[in-house]
Amino acid sequence: MSRKRRVFDIDLPDDADVDPQSPKENPTRRGPMASAISENADALRARKQAADAIRDENDALAHEFVAKREAGGVVLDVPLEDVHTFMLVRDRMPGDDLELESLVTSIRELGLSNPIRLLKRPDGTGYELVQGYRRLSAYKALLEETGDNQWGAVPALVLSGGDDIGGLYRRMVDENVIRKDLSFAEMARAAQTYAADPATEAGDLGAAVAALFQSAPYSKRSYIRSFAFLLDQIGEALAYPTEIPRALGVTVARALKDRPEIKARIRDDLKDWDMRGVLDELDVLRRHSGQEAIDVGGDPDEVAAVAKSKRGAADPSKTKTTFDIRTSAGRVKCTAGVGRLEIKVDRDFSTIDRAQLERAIAGLVDGLG
């Protein structure tokens, strides 16, 4: 039995009737590999665009950072061995700094709130200190005391270097004067070193004072010149020049000019007196200068009588002696007065056993006789 062939009537369009511009109803379908390659290429392009944007932003930030750093607006941690103090003669006078220990304690407990100021050395070997001598000294003390490398670098702002040597001196002095952190003796010493530095334009002390203390009133500049004269005459004999009050310093300078013979007397009284305190030294200056004499304006006999009466009428309860000693526990500041002995040392006495503390105090009092 033969199978019949079924025939369908299908109308097929002629080639001429097909529009070549019309979209195909069934476009060619991409395989999985082609789709993956295309998606990967799109991801790479997006990643490159993001990387380029990040790179552009980093470049802009880097340029901004460099500009701020060159302008002295970025705090850097500078190793202590890279900080030098050769270019400027410091306005701090030599000798023990009785307040340095307090600064050390503050930095140890709270950190440094005000970075030091530096200037790049022309030869590229580190930096020169412009401002912050005590802060730098405190970091050195902490490093020596603890051996901890966290104190081996000090926070600093590096200045652009546009100032001449005179401008750098003014920066150094201005910071301390504004903070009222310089004594008259230290201001006088700063003026002396400024005048002596051949790199400055000051020809004498007066010009140096005028250049360094431009914003100070005339009276203050006059006091600084008086202290400079005092230091010229007896500075090397003094152990506590920074403790001299303004009125006494001006009086002593005037007395040295009017009666040059007291210069030798002051030197003789202070010579080999190693254990003297601040008040001891000030008493010598008062005694030889007759501070009361100049203050009251009388003749020498009248002034001597006034001075004697003032000393006799003084309240003995306010008399005190202050001195600074070194012990195995560190530096100790002592104040001795009538009925009172005050000892300041960086130690918490409340942690000491009471019986031990009582024995120590009893031994101290008994040892005084």
Protein backbone atom coordinates (compact mmCIF):
# COMPACT_ATOMS: atom_id res chain seq x y z
CA MET A 1 0.00 0.00 0.00
CA SER A 2 1.56 3.23 -1.07
CA ARG A 3 1.66 6.37 1.23
CA LYS A 4 0.22 9.52 -0.28
CA ARG A 5 2.43 12.65 -0.36
CA ARG A 6 0.85 15.68 1.33
CA VAL A 7 1.35 18.96 -0.37
CA PHE A 8 1.05 22.41 1.45
CA ASP A 9 0.19 25.55 -0.34
CA ILE A 10 2.82 28.12 0.77
CA ASP A 11 3.27 31.47 -0.91
CA LEU A 12 6.97 32.53 -0.85
CA PRO A 13 7.80 36.12 -1.70
CA ASP A 14 9.97 36.88 -4.66
CA ASP A 15 13.48 38.32 -4.00
CA ALA A 16 12.44 41.53 -5.61
CA ASP A 17 9.70 42.02 -3.04
CA VAL A 18 12.08 41.85 -0.04
CA ASP A 19 13.24 45.23 1.39
CA PRO A 20 16.96 44.96 2.10
CA GLN A 21 16.74 47.87 4.67
CA SER A 22 14.11 46.19 6.82
CA PRO A 23 15.39 44.58 10.02
CA LYS A 24 15.62 40.89 10.15
CA GLU A 25 12.97 39.34 12.23
CA ASN A 26 15.33 36.70 13.62
CA PRO A 27 18.82 38.21 13.99
CA THR A 28 21.77 35.92 14.38
CA ARG A 29 22.12 34.93 18.05
CA ARG A 30 25.60 35.37 19.82
CA GLY A 31 27.09 32.41 21.53
CA PRO A 32 28.01 32.29 25.24
CA MET A 33 31.74 32.86 24.56
CA ALA A 34 31.13 36.00 22.54
CA SER A 35 28.83 37.40 25.23
CA ALA A 36 31.43 36.75 27.94
CA ILE A 37 34.17 38.45 25.93
CA SER A 38 31.98 41.50 25.31
CA GLU A 39 30.99 41.79 28.97
CA ASN A 40 34.62 41.45 30.07
CA ALA A 41 35.68 44.20 27.67
CA ASP A 42 32.96 46.50 29.06
CA ALA A 43 34.14 45.77 32.63
CA LEU A 44 37.76 46.48 31.72
CA ARG A 45 36.80 49.81 30.15
CA ALA A 46 34.82 50.79 33.27
CA ARG A 47 37.68 49.73 35.55
CA LYS A 48 40.19 51.75 33.51
CA GLN A 49 37.97 54.81 33.61
CA ALA A 50 37.67 54.50 37.41
CA ALA A 51 41.44 54.00 37.76
CA ASP A 52 42.13 57.05 35.59
CA ALA A 53 39.75 59.14 37.72
CA ILE A 54 41.44 57.98 40.95
CA ARG A 55 44.88 58.66 39.47
CA ASP A 56 43.85 62.18 38.43
CA GLU A 57 42.45 62.84 41.91
CA ASN A 58 45.62 61.51 43.58
CA ASP A 59 47.78 63.67 41.34
CA ALA A 60 45.75 66.73 42.27
CA LEU A 61 45.99 65.88 45.98
CA ALA A 62 49.72 65.25 45.67
CA HIS A 63 50.25 68.64 44.03
CA GLU A 64 48.14 70.27 46.74
CA PHE A 65 50.11 68.48 49.46
CA VAL A 66 53.45 69.55 47.96
CA ALA A 67 52.24 73.14 47.69
CA LYS A 68 51.09 73.18 51.32
CA ARG A 69 54.29 71.48 52.47
CA GLU A 70 56.44 74.02 50.63
CA ALA A 71 54.39 76.80 52.22
CA GLY A 72 54.99 75.34 55.68
CA GLY A 73 51.42 74.18 56.15
CA VAL A 74 51.97 70.44 56.60
CA VAL A 75 53.16 68.85 59.84
CA LEU A 76 56.00 66.39 59.28
CA ASP A 77 57.69 64.03 61.74
CA VAL A 78 61.36 65.01 61.49
CA PRO A 79 64.06 62.82 63.13
CA LEU A 80 65.81 64.64 65.97
CA GLU A 81 69.24 64.04 64.46
CA ASP A 82 68.16 65.99 61.37
CA VAL A 83 67.33 69.14 63.37
CA HIS A 84 70.28 71.53 63.84
CA THR A 85 70.69 74.77 65.78
CA PHE A 86 73.72 76.27 64.06
CA MET A 87 72.25 79.07 61.95
CA LEU A 88 70.60 81.12 64.70
CA VAL A 89 71.99 81.90 68.14
CA ARG A 90 69.13 80.92 70.41
CA ASP A 91 67.24 83.51 72.40
CA ARG A 92 67.20 81.10 75.32
CA MET A 93 69.95 81.79 77.83
CA PRO A 94 72.17 78.90 78.97
CA GLY A 95 71.59 77.22 82.28
CA ASP A 96 69.02 74.93 83.85
CA ASP A 97 65.50 75.48 82.60
CA LEU A 98 63.36 75.00 85.70
CA GLU A 99 60.17 74.78 83.64
CA LEU A 100 61.44 72.23 81.11
CA GLU A 101 60.41 69.32 83.29
CA SER A 102 56.81 70.54 83.26
CA LEU A 103 56.92 70.76 79.48
CA VAL A 104 58.33 67.23 79.28
CA THR A 105 55.50 65.92 81.46
CA SER A 106 52.89 67.75 79.38
CA ILE A 107 54.21 66.38 76.09
CA ARG A 108 54.48 62.86 77.52
CA GLU A 109 50.88 62.89 78.72
CA LEU A 110 49.10 65.09 76.18
CA GLY A 111 51.39 65.24 73.15
CA LEU A 112 52.76 68.27 71.33
CA SER A 113 50.02 70.75 70.40
CA ASN A 114 52.27 73.29 68.65
CA PRO A 115 54.81 71.90 66.14
CA ILE A 116 58.28 73.41 65.96
CA ARG A 117 59.31 75.47 62.91
CA LEU A 118 62.21 74.44 60.71
CA LEU A 119 64.04 75.63 57.63
CA LYS A 120 65.76 73.37 55.12
CA ARG A 121 69.54 73.68 55.23
CA PRO A 122 70.99 74.97 51.94
CA ASP A 123 73.35 71.99 51.67
CA GLY A 124 70.49 69.52 52.05
CA THR A 125 71.79 68.05 55.33
CA GLY A 126 68.65 68.28 57.44
CA TYR A 127 66.94 71.33 58.87
CA GLU A 128 67.72 74.43 60.93
CA LEU A 129 65.55 75.24 63.95
CA VAL A 130 63.72 78.56 63.73
CA GLN A 131 61.15 78.26 66.53
CA GLY A 132 60.68 75.73 69.32
CA TYR A 133 63.98 75.27 71.15
CA ARG A 134 62.33 74.19 74.42
CA ARG A 135 59.97 71.80 72.61
CA LEU A 136 62.93 70.24 70.81
CA SER A 137 64.81 69.98 74.12
CA ALA A 138 61.80 68.26 75.68
CA TYR A 139 61.72 65.62 72.93
CA LYS A 140 65.44 64.99 73.36
CA ALA A 141 64.93 64.62 77.11
CA LEU A 142 62.07 62.16 76.57
CA LEU A 143 64.12 60.09 74.14
CA GLU A 144 67.07 59.99 76.55
CA GLU A 145 64.82 59.20 79.51
CA THR A 146 62.70 56.45 77.93
CA GLY A 147 64.72 55.17 75.00
CA ASP A 148 61.37 54.92 73.16
CA ASN A 149 61.64 55.61 69.43
CA GLN A 150 58.29 57.40 69.47
CA TRP A 151 60.25 60.41 70.79
CA GLY A 152 62.92 60.08 68.10
CA ALA A 153 61.05 62.39 65.69
CA VAL A 154 59.45 65.72 66.46
CA PRO A 155 56.35 67.20 64.71
CA ALA A 156 57.47 70.17 62.65
CA LEU A 157 56.37 72.69 60.06
CA VAL A 158 59.02 73.29 57.40
CA LEU A 159 59.07 76.93 56.29
CA SER A 160 59.46 77.92 52.67
CA GLY A 161 62.81 79.63 53.23
CA GLY A 162 61.89 83.03 51.84
CA ASP A 163 63.14 84.95 54.88
CA ASP A 164 66.62 86.38 55.20
CA ILE A 165 68.62 85.80 58.38
CA GLY A 166 67.08 88.91 59.94
CA GLY A 167 63.60 87.65 59.23
CA LEU A 168 64.42 84.31 60.84
CA TYR A 169 65.66 86.05 63.99
CA ARG A 170 62.43 88.02 64.13
CA ARG A 171 60.38 84.83 63.73
CA MET A 172 62.31 83.23 66.58
CA VAL A 173 61.90 86.19 68.92
CA ASP A 174 58.32 87.12 67.99
CA GLU A 175 56.88 83.75 68.90
CA ASN A 176 58.27 83.88 72.42
CA VAL A 177 57.49 87.55 72.95
CA ILE A 178 53.88 87.11 71.82
CA ARG A 179 53.51 84.18 74.22
CA LYS A 180 55.24 86.28 76.93
CA ASP A 181 57.72 83.47 77.23
CA LEU A 182 60.94 85.50 77.20
CA SER A 183 62.44 87.34 80.14
CA PHE A 184 64.00 90.78 79.65
CA ALA A 185 67.43 89.18 79.98
CA GLU A 186 66.63 86.76 77.15
CA MET A 187 65.29 89.54 74.96
CA ALA A 188 68.48 91.48 75.62
CA ARG A 189 70.61 88.46 74.76
CA ALA A 190 68.67 87.99 71.52
CA ALA A 191 69.37 91.61 70.57
CA GLN A 192 73.07 91.22 71.39
CA THR A 193 73.45 88.11 69.22
CA TYR A 194 71.47 89.73 66.41
CA ALA A 195 73.76 92.76 66.45
CA ALA A 196 76.86 90.55 66.53
CA ASP A 197 75.75 88.34 63.63
CA PRO A 198 77.47 89.57 60.43
CA ALA A 199 74.57 88.24 58.36
CA THR A 200 72.20 90.87 59.78
CA GLU A 201 72.04 94.54 58.89
CA ALA A 202 72.11 95.78 62.48
CA GLY A 203 75.20 97.86 63.15
CA ASP A 204 74.76 98.18 66.89
CA LEU A 205 72.56 97.11 69.79
CA GLY A 206 70.07 99.93 69.31
CA ALA A 207 69.48 98.93 65.69
CA ALA A 208 69.14 95.30 66.74
CA VAL A 209 66.51 96.13 69.36
CA ALA A 210 64.61 98.27 66.85
CA ALA A 211 64.67 95.47 64.25
CA LEU A 212 63.70 92.60 66.55
CA PHE A 213 61.10 94.41 68.65
CA GLN A 214 59.44 96.65 66.10
CA SER A 215 55.99 96.31 67.62
CA ALA A 216 57.15 96.94 71.20
CA PRO A 217 56.62 100.40 72.75
CA TYR A 218 59.60 102.66 73.27
CA SER A 219 59.66 102.01 77.03
CA LYS A 220 60.02 98.28 76.52
CA ARG A 221 62.82 98.73 73.99
CA SER A 222 64.54 100.97 76.55
CA TYR A 223 64.28 98.24 79.21
CA ILE A 224 65.80 95.71 76.81
CA ARG A 225 68.75 98.01 76.15
CA SER A 226 69.25 98.41 79.91
CA PHE A 227 69.31 94.65 80.42
CA ALA A 228 71.79 94.32 77.56
CA PHE A 229 74.13 96.72 79.34
CA LEU A 230 73.69 94.78 82.59
CA LEU A 231 74.63 91.53 80.85
CA ASP A 232 77.67 93.16 79.27
CA GLN A 233 78.90 94.25 82.69
CA ILE A 234 78.11 91.33 85.03
CA GLY A 235 76.34 88.72 82.90
CA GLU A 236 78.95 85.99 83.34
CA ALA A 237 78.75 86.33 87.14
CA LEU A 238 75.00 85.73 87.25
CA ALA A 239 73.44 82.31 87.71
CA TYR A 240 69.81 83.46 87.35
CA PRO A 241 69.73 86.41 84.92
CA THR A 242 66.30 85.40 83.60
CA GLU A 243 64.82 85.80 87.10
CA ILE A 244 65.74 89.49 87.40
CA PRO A 245 62.54 91.59 87.53
CA ARG A 246 62.24 94.46 85.10
CA ALA A 247 62.46 97.23 87.72
CA LEU A 248 65.51 95.71 89.41
CA GLY A 249 67.31 95.12 86.12
CA VAL A 250 66.81 98.70 85.00
CA THR A 251 67.95 99.94 88.41
CA VAL A 252 71.08 97.79 88.39
CA ALA A 253 71.98 98.92 84.85
CA ARG A 254 71.59 102.57 85.87
CA ALA A 255 73.69 102.01 88.99
CA LEU A 256 76.44 100.34 86.96
CA LYS A 257 76.56 103.38 84.69
CA ASP A 258 76.55 105.90 87.54
CA ARG A 259 78.86 103.96 89.89
CA PRO A 260 81.11 101.64 87.85
CA GLU A 261 82.90 100.53 91.03
CA ILE A 262 79.95 98.34 92.11
CA LYS A 263 80.67 96.02 89.19
CA ALA A 264 83.67 94.52 91.01
CA ARG A 265 81.76 94.35 94.28
CA ILE A 266 78.88 92.42 92.75
CA ARG A 267 81.32 90.02 91.09
CA ASP A 268 83.17 89.48 94.38
CA ASP A 269 79.98 88.77 96.33
CA LEU A 270 78.79 86.20 93.78
CA LYS A 271 82.16 84.58 93.12
CA ASP A 272 82.38 80.91 94.20
CA TRP A 273 78.89 81.03 95.70
CA ASP A 274 77.70 77.84 94.02
CA MET A 275 74.81 77.01 96.35
CA ARG A 276 73.07 80.37 96.13
CA GLY A 277 69.41 80.54 95.17
CA VAL A 278 67.48 83.00 93.07
CA LEU A 279 66.57 85.24 96.00
CA ASP A 280 70.16 85.24 97.24
CA GLU A 281 71.37 86.58 93.91
CA LEU A 282 68.61 89.17 93.69
CA ASP A 283 69.43 90.39 97.20
CA VAL A 284 73.05 90.99 96.15
CA LEU A 285 71.89 93.06 93.18
CA ARG A 286 69.49 95.06 95.33
CA ARG A 287 72.08 95.69 98.00
CA HIS A 288 74.72 97.03 95.63
CA SER A 289 72.40 98.97 93.32
CA GLY A 290 70.31 100.56 96.07
CA GLN A 291 67.05 99.92 94.25
CA GLU A 292 65.19 101.81 96.95
CA ALA A 293 67.53 104.77 96.42
CA ILE A 294 66.50 105.28 92.83
CA ASP A 295 62.86 104.52 93.51
CA VAL A 296 62.49 107.21 96.22
CA GLY A 297 64.86 109.66 94.61
CA GLY A 298 66.59 110.73 97.88
CA ASP A 299 70.25 111.28 98.69
CA PRO A 300 72.41 108.23 99.51
CA ASP A 301 72.10 108.58 103.31
CA GLU A 302 68.33 109.00 103.20
CA VAL A 303 68.00 106.13 100.76
CA ALA A 304 70.12 103.83 102.91
CA ALA A 305 67.90 104.61 105.90
CA VAL A 306 64.75 103.92 103.87
CA ALA A 307 66.15 100.66 102.58
CA LYS A 308 67.11 99.57 106.08
CA SER A 309 63.69 100.43 107.45
CA LYS A 310 62.00 98.53 104.65
CA ARG A 311 64.09 95.44 105.28
CA GLY A 312 63.37 95.67 109.01
CA ALA A 313 59.65 96.05 108.43
CA ALA A 314 59.46 93.11 106.07
CA ASP A 315 57.07 90.34 107.02
CA PRO A 316 59.28 87.40 108.01
CA SER A 317 56.53 84.96 107.04
CA LYS A 318 57.02 86.01 103.40
CA THR A 319 60.77 85.49 103.41
CA LYS A 320 61.77 82.46 101.38
CA THR A 321 64.66 80.86 99.54
CA THR A 322 64.21 78.96 96.30
CA PHE A 323 66.77 76.61 94.81
CA ASP A 324 67.03 73.70 92.41
CA ILE A 325 68.98 70.49 93.08
CA ARG A 326 69.62 67.23 91.28
CA THR A 327 68.88 63.88 92.92
CA SER A 328 68.65 60.23 91.90
CA ALA A 329 64.93 60.84 91.39
CA GLY A 330 65.61 63.71 89.01
CA ARG A 331 65.55 67.47 89.37
CA VAL A 332 63.95 68.82 92.56
CA LYS A 333 62.73 72.38 93.05
CA CYS A 334 62.71 73.48 96.71
CA THR A 335 61.20 76.50 98.41
CA ALA A 336 62.15 77.14 102.04
CA GLY A 337 60.36 79.71 104.17
CA VAL A 338 59.34 80.39 107.74
CA GLY A 339 57.55 77.28 109.01
CA ARG A 340 57.40 75.75 105.55
CA LEU A 341 59.52 73.59 103.23
CA GLU A 342 58.08 72.83 99.79
CA ILE A 343 59.56 70.14 97.53
CA LYS A 344 58.47 69.72 93.92
CA VAL A 345 59.56 66.63 92.01
CA ASP A 346 58.00 64.63 89.20
CA ARG A 347 56.72 61.81 91.41
CA ASP A 348 53.40 60.70 92.86
CA PHE A 349 53.99 60.65 96.63
CA SER A 350 50.51 59.25 97.24
CA THR A 351 51.71 55.87 95.96
CA ILE A 352 54.41 55.59 98.64
CA ASP A 353 53.68 53.54 101.74
CA ARG A 354 52.68 55.92 104.52
CA ALA A 355 55.10 54.47 107.07
CA GLN A 356 57.96 54.82 104.60
CA LEU A 357 56.94 58.39 103.82
CA GLU A 358 56.78 59.27 107.51
CA ARG A 359 60.25 57.85 108.15
CA ALA A 360 61.67 59.80 105.22
CA ILE A 361 60.16 63.09 106.39
CA ALA A 362 61.28 62.49 109.98
CA GLY A 363 64.80 61.78 108.74
CA LEU A 364 64.77 64.97 106.68
CA VAL A 365 63.62 67.14 109.59
CA ASP A 366 66.01 65.49 112.06
CA GLY A 367 68.87 65.91 109.62
CA LEU A 368 68.27 69.64 109.44
CA GLY A 369 69.05 69.94 113.20
